[in-house]
Amino acid sequence: MRRSRRLLPALLLAPLALTGCGSDSLDSAAPPDRAELKARAEAAQTVVEHVYVTEADGFELARQSVGVIGDYGFQSTYVRDEGGAQLTLSVDRGTVTDGNCRTVPPAATRCEKDGKGWYRRTGSRHEYVRSENGLRIQLAADRGAVSRAVLRAAAETAHRADDRELDATLPETADPEGLPTDGGDTGRPAERGDLPPNGDGAPQDPPGAGG
């Protein structure tokens, strides 16, 4: 069954806390082992091989935007703190050629070869797209907010994430019951004393009381 495309509306990204994934912001500690990273990718309905990152001057990753697109694809959005311009990075199975450049989703009104990829215009947006490792890597933005030069630079910088970049990009895993971790070093689920042990999980007041 094909998964629904998980796309975060653009207007919701502006207030998100930003988390950079460039080398300056990566923790010096060793990243989690590969098995944990793979589990985190699986929890996000993708695979580590599909997780790509990029860099663009003034832009930082909105980590809350990270999610799946298509079947096991990957998508994330980078936001510029000044002005709120956004770059959307999408990775999915497929290729792009001169023959299908205009029809690759989303359909383009203009497509031209440029460097290692293609430059396309899709309505009010524009993007760079290239193929590698059996994947289609697309960097898109509004034409009025991000220049072609900035977009091309981000597209050329986009690369498959290494373990440190995976750790900085992928959402944290939840515990087996689906509760988020408390953000500490223990990895224990967040404490919620007002949740009953059975039923639909509706809060109780006081904890443990019926009704």
C-alpha atoms as a PDB file:
ATOM      1  CA  MET A   1       0.000   0.000   0.000  1.00  0.00           C
ATOM      2  CA  ARG A   2       1.373   3.385  -0.962  1.00  0.00           C
ATOM      3  CA  ARG A   3       1.864   5.737   1.966  1.00  0.00           C
ATOM      4  CA  SER A   4       0.287   9.152   1.914  1.00  0.00           C
ATOM      5  CA  ARG A   5       2.629  12.031   1.222  1.00  0.00           C
ATOM      6  CA  ARG A   6       3.608  13.658   4.499  1.00  0.00           C
ATOM      7  CA  LEU A   7       3.956  17.344   3.681  1.00  0.00           C
ATOM      8  CA  LEU A   8       4.064  20.095   6.300  1.00  0.00           C
ATOM      9  CA  PRO A   9       2.223  23.261   5.230  1.00  0.00           C
ATOM     10  CA  ALA A  10       4.655  26.060   4.542  1.00  0.00           C
ATOM     11  CA  LEU A  11       3.001  28.534   6.903  1.00  0.00           C
ATOM     12  CA  LEU A  12       3.404  26.141   9.822  1.00  0.00           C
ATOM     13  CA  LEU A  13       7.170  26.037   9.488  1.00  0.00           C
ATOM     14  CA  ALA A  14       7.850  29.665  10.366  1.00  0.00           C
ATOM     15  CA  PRO A  15       7.437  29.334  14.156  1.00  0.00           C
ATOM     16  CA  LEU A  16       9.293  26.030  14.399  1.00  0.00           C
ATOM     17  CA  ALA A  17      12.463  25.827  16.401  1.00  0.00           C
ATOM     18  CA  LEU A  18      15.353  25.482  13.993  1.00  0.00           C
ATOM     19  CA  THR A  19      18.040  22.871  14.290  1.00  0.00           C
ATOM     20  CA  GLY A  20      21.089  23.099  12.055  1.00  0.00           C
ATOM     21  CA  CYS A  21      22.669  19.977  10.656  1.00  0.00           C
ATOM     22  CA  GLY A  22      25.875  21.547   9.413  1.00  0.00           C
ATOM     23  CA  SER A  23      29.244  20.622  10.827  1.00  0.00           C
ATOM     24  CA  ASP A  24      29.248  23.593  13.243  1.00  0.00           C
ATOM     25  CA  SER A  25      26.157  22.354  15.078  1.00  0.00           C
ATOM     26  CA  LEU A  26      26.945  18.635  15.264  1.00  0.00           C
ATOM     27  CA  ASP A  27      27.806  17.352  18.701  1.00  0.00           C
ATOM     28  CA  SER A  28      31.356  16.169  19.200  1.00  0.00           C
ATOM     29  CA  ALA A  29      30.176  12.957  20.862  1.00  0.00           C
ATOM     30  CA  ALA A  30      29.982   9.772  18.833  1.00  0.00           C
ATOM     31  CA  PRO A  31      26.633   9.314  17.022  1.00  0.00           C
ATOM     32  CA  PRO A  32      24.310   6.417  17.905  1.00  0.00           C
ATOM     33  CA  ASP A  33      25.126   3.065  16.352  1.00  0.00           C
ATOM     34  CA  ARG A  34      23.833   2.247  12.889  1.00  0.00           C
ATOM     35  CA  ALA A  35      21.085  -0.022  14.199  1.00  0.00           C
ATOM     36  CA  GLU A  36      19.556   2.820  16.209  1.00  0.00           C
ATOM     37  CA  LEU A  37      19.770   5.192  13.258  1.00  0.00           C
ATOM     38  CA  LYS A  38      18.057   2.634  11.032  1.00  0.00           C
ATOM     39  CA  ALA A  39      15.316   2.207  13.646  1.00  0.00           C
ATOM     40  CA  ARG A  40      14.770   5.965  13.781  1.00  0.00           C
ATOM     41  CA  ALA A  41      14.550   6.120   9.991  1.00  0.00           C
ATOM     42  CA  GLU A  42      12.059   3.241   9.999  1.00  0.00           C
ATOM     43  CA  ALA A  43       9.967   5.046  12.639  1.00  0.00           C
ATOM     44  CA  ALA A  44       9.843   8.001  10.238  1.00  0.00           C
ATOM     45  CA  GLN A  45       8.719   5.543   7.485  1.00  0.00           C
ATOM     46  CA  THR A  46      11.897   5.927   5.447  1.00  0.00           C
ATOM     47  CA  VAL A  47      15.366   4.357   5.259  1.00  0.00           C
ATOM     48  CA  VAL A  48      18.763   5.851   6.045  1.00  0.00           C
ATOM     49  CA  GLU A  49      19.865   5.599   2.400  1.00  0.00           C
ATOM     50  CA  HIS A  50      17.130   8.084   1.456  1.00  0.00           C
ATOM     51  CA  VAL A  51      18.065  10.704   4.037  1.00  0.00           C
ATOM     52  CA  TYR A  52      19.902  13.584   2.400  1.00  0.00           C
ATOM     53  CA  VAL A  53      21.040  16.901   3.853  1.00  0.00           C
ATOM     54  CA  THR A  54      22.209  20.173   2.372  1.00  0.00           C
ATOM     55  CA  GLU A  55      23.650  23.536   3.337  1.00  0.00           C
ATOM     56  CA  ALA A  56      22.679  27.030   2.228  1.00  0.00           C
ATOM     57  CA  ASP A  57      23.890  30.325   3.619  1.00  0.00           C
ATOM     58  CA  GLY A  58      21.437  31.606   6.246  1.00  0.00           C
ATOM     59  CA  PHE A  59      19.222  28.486   6.145  1.00  0.00           C
ATOM     60  CA  GLU A  60      18.807  25.907   8.895  1.00  0.00           C
ATOM     61  CA  LEU A  61      16.922  22.638   9.033  1.00  0.00           C
ATOM     62  CA  ALA A  62      13.443  22.769  10.566  1.00  0.00           C
ATOM     63  CA  ARG A  63      13.695  19.355  12.164  1.00  0.00           C
ATOM     64  CA  GLN A  64       9.947  19.143  12.733  1.00  0.00           C
ATOM     65  CA  SER A  65       9.500  19.183   8.955  1.00  0.00           C
ATOM     66  CA  VAL A  66      11.343  15.893   8.466  1.00  0.00           C
ATOM     67  CA  GLY A  67       9.099  13.135   7.161  1.00  0.00           C
ATOM     68  CA  VAL A  68       8.228  10.618   4.492  1.00  0.00           C
ATOM     69  CA  ILE A  69       7.174  11.295   0.922  1.00  0.00           C
ATOM     70  CA  GLY A  70       5.850   8.612  -1.419  1.00  0.00           C
ATOM     71  CA  ASP A  71       7.090   5.092  -0.631  1.00  0.00           C
ATOM     72  CA  TYR A  72       9.978   5.351   1.831  1.00  0.00           C
ATOM     73  CA  GLY A  73      11.037   8.684   0.388  1.00  0.00           C
ATOM     74  CA  PHE A  74      12.362  11.571   2.454  1.00  0.00           C
ATOM     75  CA  GLN A  75      11.531  15.244   2.730  1.00  0.00           C
ATOM     76  CA  SER A  76      12.743  18.127   4.867  1.00  0.00           C
ATOM     77  CA  THR A  77      12.575  21.914   4.836  1.00  0.00           C
ATOM     78  CA  TYR A  78      15.281  24.466   5.530  1.00  0.00           C
ATOM     79  CA  VAL A  79      14.215  27.913   6.715  1.00  0.00           C
ATOM     80  CA  ARG A  80      16.068  31.205   6.500  1.00  0.00           C
ATOM     81  CA  ASP A  81      15.842  32.995   9.827  1.00  0.00           C
ATOM     82  CA  GLU A  82      15.771  36.372   8.117  1.00  0.00           C
ATOM     83  CA  GLY A  83      12.585  36.665   6.091  1.00  0.00           C
ATOM     84  CA  GLY A  84      11.428  33.064   6.529  1.00  0.00           C
ATOM     85  CA  ALA A  85      12.285  31.840   3.007  1.00  0.00           C
ATOM     86  CA  GLN A  86      12.169  28.048   2.664  1.00  0.00           C
ATOM     87  CA  LEU A  87      14.038  25.371   0.739  1.00  0.00           C
ATOM     88  CA  THR A  88      12.378  21.965   0.404  1.00  0.00           C
ATOM     89  CA  LEU A  89      14.589  18.913  -0.078  1.00  0.00           C
ATOM     90  CA  SER A  90      12.847  15.804  -1.438  1.00  0.00           C
ATOM     91  CA  VAL A  91      14.336  12.376  -2.138  1.00  0.00           C
ATOM     92  CA  ASP A  92      12.437   9.497  -3.707  1.00  0.00           C
ATOM     93  CA  ARG A  93      13.052   6.517  -5.957  1.00  0.00           C
ATOM     94  CA  GLY A  94      13.272   7.385  -9.624  1.00  0.00           C
ATOM     95  CA  THR A  95      15.351   9.112 -12.255  1.00  0.00           C
ATOM     96  CA  VAL A  96      15.194  12.264 -14.317  1.00  0.00           C
ATOM     97  CA  THR A  97      16.247  12.519 -17.955  1.00  0.00           C
ATOM     98  CA  ASP A  98      15.844  14.926 -20.850  1.00  0.00           C
ATOM     99  CA  GLY A  99      12.860  12.844 -21.880  1.00  0.00           C
ATOM    100  CA  ASN A 100      10.887  13.036 -18.632  1.00  0.00           C
ATOM    101  CA  CYS A 101      12.199  16.289 -17.164  1.00  0.00           C
ATOM    102  CA  ARG A 102       8.930  18.139 -17.692  1.00  0.00           C
ATOM    103  CA  THR A 103       6.715  15.328 -16.403  1.00  0.00           C
ATOM    104  CA  VAL A 104       8.586  14.429 -13.209  1.00  0.00           C
ATOM    105  CA  PRO A 105       6.230  15.419 -10.345  1.00  0.00           C
ATOM    106  CA  PRO A 106       5.355  18.179 -10.039  1.00  0.00           C
ATOM    107  CA  ALA A 107       4.930  18.821 -13.762  1.00  0.00           C
ATOM    108  CA  ALA A 108       7.131  21.643 -15.019  1.00  0.00           C
ATOM    109  CA  THR A 109       6.504  24.413 -17.530  1.00  0.00           C
ATOM    110  CA  ARG A 110      10.226  24.794 -18.186  1.00  0.00           C
ATOM    111  CA  CYS A 111      13.163  22.430 -17.906  1.00  0.00           C
ATOM    112  CA  GLU A 112      16.794  22.842 -18.913  1.00  0.00           C
ATOM    113  CA  LYS A 113      20.018  20.951 -18.267  1.00  0.00           C
ATOM    114  CA  ASP A 114      22.247  22.812 -15.833  1.00  0.00           C
ATOM    115  CA  GLY A 115      25.427  21.254 -14.448  1.00  0.00           C
ATOM    116  CA  LYS A 116      24.842  17.819 -12.946  1.00  0.00           C
ATOM    117  CA  GLY A 117      21.084  18.216 -12.985  1.00  0.00           C
ATOM    118  CA  TRP A 118      18.143  20.059 -14.431  1.00  0.00           C
ATOM    119  CA  TYR A 119      16.600  23.403 -13.600  1.00  0.00           C
ATOM    120  CA  ARG A 120      12.790  23.395 -13.667  1.00  0.00           C
ATOM    121  CA  ARG A 121       9.959  25.846 -13.139  1.00  0.00           C
ATOM    122  CA  THR A 122       6.680  24.633 -11.647  1.00  0.00           C
ATOM    123  CA  GLY A 123       4.137  27.410 -11.305  1.00  0.00           C
ATOM    124  CA  SER A 124       5.419  29.985  -8.810  1.00  0.00           C
ATOM    125  CA  ARG A 125       8.219  27.663  -7.719  1.00  0.00           C
ATOM    126  CA  HIS A 126      11.484  26.508  -9.212  1.00  0.00           C
ATOM    127  CA  GLU A 127      13.764  23.606  -8.456  1.00  0.00           C
ATOM    128  CA  TYR A 128      16.915  21.709  -9.271  1.00  0.00           C
ATOM    129  CA  VAL A 129      16.681  17.959  -9.709  1.00  0.00           C
ATOM    130  CA  ARG A 130      19.281  15.266 -10.317  1.00  0.00           C
ATOM    131  CA  SER A 131      19.488  11.479 -10.183  1.00  0.00           C
ATOM    132  CA  GLU A 132      21.966   9.323  -8.264  1.00  0.00           C
ATOM    133  CA  ASN A 133      21.953   5.938  -6.533  1.00  0.00           C
ATOM    134  CA  GLY A 134      18.571   5.198  -8.140  1.00  0.00           C
ATOM    135  CA  LEU A 135      17.079   8.217  -6.393  1.00  0.00           C
ATOM    136  CA  ARG A 136      15.714  11.546  -7.530  1.00  0.00           C
ATOM    137  CA  ILE A 137      16.971  14.479  -5.425  1.00  0.00           C
ATOM    138  CA  GLN A 138      14.965  17.692  -5.702  1.00  0.00           C
ATOM    139  CA  LEU A 139      15.584  21.127  -4.136  1.00  0.00           C
ATOM    140  CA  ALA A 140      12.647  23.509  -4.539  1.00  0.00           C
ATOM    141  CA  ALA A 141      11.641  26.998  -3.405  1.00  0.00           C
ATOM    142  CA  ASP A 142       9.426  29.919  -4.291  1.00  0.00           C
ATOM    143  CA  ARG A 143      10.998  31.923  -7.089  1.00  0.00           C
ATOM    144  CA  GLY A 144      10.238  35.201  -5.356  1.00  0.00           C
ATOM    145  CA  ALA A 145      11.906  34.142  -2.108  1.00  0.00           C
ATOM    146  CA  VAL A 146      14.999  32.176  -3.162  1.00  0.00           C
ATOM    147  CA  SER A 147      17.212  33.045  -6.115  1.00  0.00           C
ATOM    148  CA  ARG A 148      18.259  30.520  -8.729  1.00  0.00           C
ATOM    149  CA  ALA A 149      21.889  30.860  -7.639  1.00  0.00           C
ATOM    150  CA  VAL A 150      21.084  30.044  -4.006  1.00  0.00           C
ATOM    151  CA  LEU A 151      18.872  27.145  -5.069  1.00  0.00           C
ATOM    152  CA  ARG A 152      21.539  25.704  -7.341  1.00  0.00           C
ATOM    153  CA  ALA A 153      24.195  25.952  -4.618  1.00  0.00           C
ATOM    154  CA  ALA A 154      21.938  24.101  -2.164  1.00  0.00           C
ATOM    155  CA  ALA A 155      21.185  21.451  -4.793  1.00  0.00           C
ATOM    156  CA  GLU A 156      24.870  20.895  -5.534  1.00  0.00           C
ATOM    157  CA  THR A 157      25.634  20.638  -1.808  1.00  0.00           C
ATOM    158  CA  ALA A 158      22.876  18.081  -1.135  1.00  0.00           C
ATOM    159  CA  HIS A 159      24.362  14.698  -0.215  1.00  0.00           C
ATOM    160  CA  ARG A 160      23.492  11.445   1.517  1.00  0.00           C
ATOM    161  CA  ALA A 161      23.675  11.960   5.279  1.00  0.00           C
ATOM    162  CA  ASP A 162      26.501  10.366   7.251  1.00  0.00           C
ATOM    163  CA  ASP A 163      25.866   8.963  10.730  1.00  0.00           C
ATOM    164  CA  ARG A 164      26.329  12.301  12.515  1.00  0.00           C
ATOM    165  CA  GLU A 165      24.037  14.042  10.068  1.00  0.00           C
ATOM    166  CA  LEU A 166      21.473  11.262  10.429  1.00  0.00           C
ATOM    167  CA  ASP A 167      21.528  11.744  14.196  1.00  0.00           C
ATOM    168  CA  ALA A 168      21.021  15.497  13.788  1.00  0.00           C
ATOM    169  CA  THR A 169      18.230  15.081  11.225  1.00  0.00           C
ATOM    170  CA  LEU A 170      16.085  12.059  12.074  1.00  0.00           C
ATOM    171  CA  PRO A 171      13.316  12.403  14.689  1.00  0.00           C
ATOM    172  CA  GLU A 172      13.938  10.735  18.018  1.00  0.00           C
ATOM    173  CA  THR A 173      12.245   7.367  18.423  1.00  0.00           C
ATOM    174  CA  ALA A 174       9.282   6.830  20.718  1.00  0.00           C
ATOM    175  CA  ASP A 175       8.975   4.023  23.240  1.00  0.00           C
ATOM    176  CA  PRO A 176       7.065   0.865  22.219  1.00  0.00           C
ATOM    177  CA  GLU A 177       3.745   2.387  23.419  1.00  0.00           C
ATOM    178  CA  GLY A 178       4.242   5.382  21.154  1.00  0.00           C
ATOM    179  CA  LEU A 179       5.072   7.888  23.894  1.00  0.00           C
ATOM    180  CA  PRO A 180       7.864  10.359  23.124  1.00  0.00           C
ATOM    181  CA  THR A 181      11.022  10.105  25.180  1.00  0.00           C
ATOM    182  CA  ASP A 182      11.593  12.713  27.856  1.00  0.00           C
ATOM    183  CA  GLY A 183      14.580  14.165  26.008  1.00  0.00           C
ATOM    184  CA  GLY A 184      17.036  13.122  28.712  1.00  0.00           C
ATOM    185  CA  ASP A 185      19.901  10.673  28.555  1.00  0.00           C
ATOM    186  CA  THR A 186      17.858   7.750  29.857  1.00  0.00           C
ATOM    187  CA  GLY A 187      15.551   7.407  26.862  1.00  0.00           C
ATOM    188  CA  ARG A 188      12.633   6.714  29.217  1.00  0.00           C
ATOM    189  CA  PRO A 189       9.147   7.813  28.143  1.00  0.00           C
ATOM    190  CA  ALA A 190       7.869  11.093  29.505  1.00  0.00           C
ATOM    191  CA  GLU A 191       6.052  10.719  32.832  1.00  0.00           C
ATOM    192  CA  ARG A 192       2.267  11.217  32.671  1.00  0.00           C
ATOM    193  CA  GLY A 193       0.587  10.447  35.987  1.00  0.00           C
ATOM    194  CA  ASP A 194      -2.851  11.429  34.691  1.00  0.00           C
ATOM    195  CA  LEU A 195      -3.091   8.647  32.095  1.00  0.00           C
ATOM    196  CA  PRO A 196      -5.027   5.482  33.046  1.00  0.00           C
ATOM    197  CA  PRO A 197      -3.321   2.101  32.465  1.00  0.00           C
ATOM    198  CA  ASN A 198      -6.204   0.861  30.263  1.00  0.00           C
ATOM    199  CA  GLY A 199      -8.873   2.278  27.991  1.00  0.00           C
ATOM    200  CA  ASP A 200      -8.585   5.026  25.414  1.00  0.00           C
ATOM    201  CA  GLY A 201      -5.915   6.959  27.249  1.00  0.00           C
ATOM    202  CA  ALA A 202      -8.116   9.897  28.273  1.00  0.00           C
ATOM    203  CA  PRO A 203      -6.625  11.872  31.207  1.00  0.00           C
ATOM    204  CA  GLN A 204      -8.092  11.249  34.658  1.00  0.00           C
ATOM    205  CA  ASP A 205      -8.486  13.825  37.406  1.00  0.00           C
ATOM    206  CA  PRO A 206      -7.292  12.874  39.918  1.00  0.00           C
ATOM    207  CA  PRO A 207      -4.995  10.127  38.565  1.00  0.00           C
ATOM    208  CA  GLY A 208      -6.478   6.689  39.039  1.00  0.00           C
ATOM    209  CA  ALA A 209     -10.021   7.907  39.681  1.00  0.00           C
ATOM    210  CA  GLY A 210     -12.891   6.348  37.771  1.00  0.00           C
ATOM    211  CA  GLY A 211     -15.244   8.207  35.408  1.00  0.00           C
END
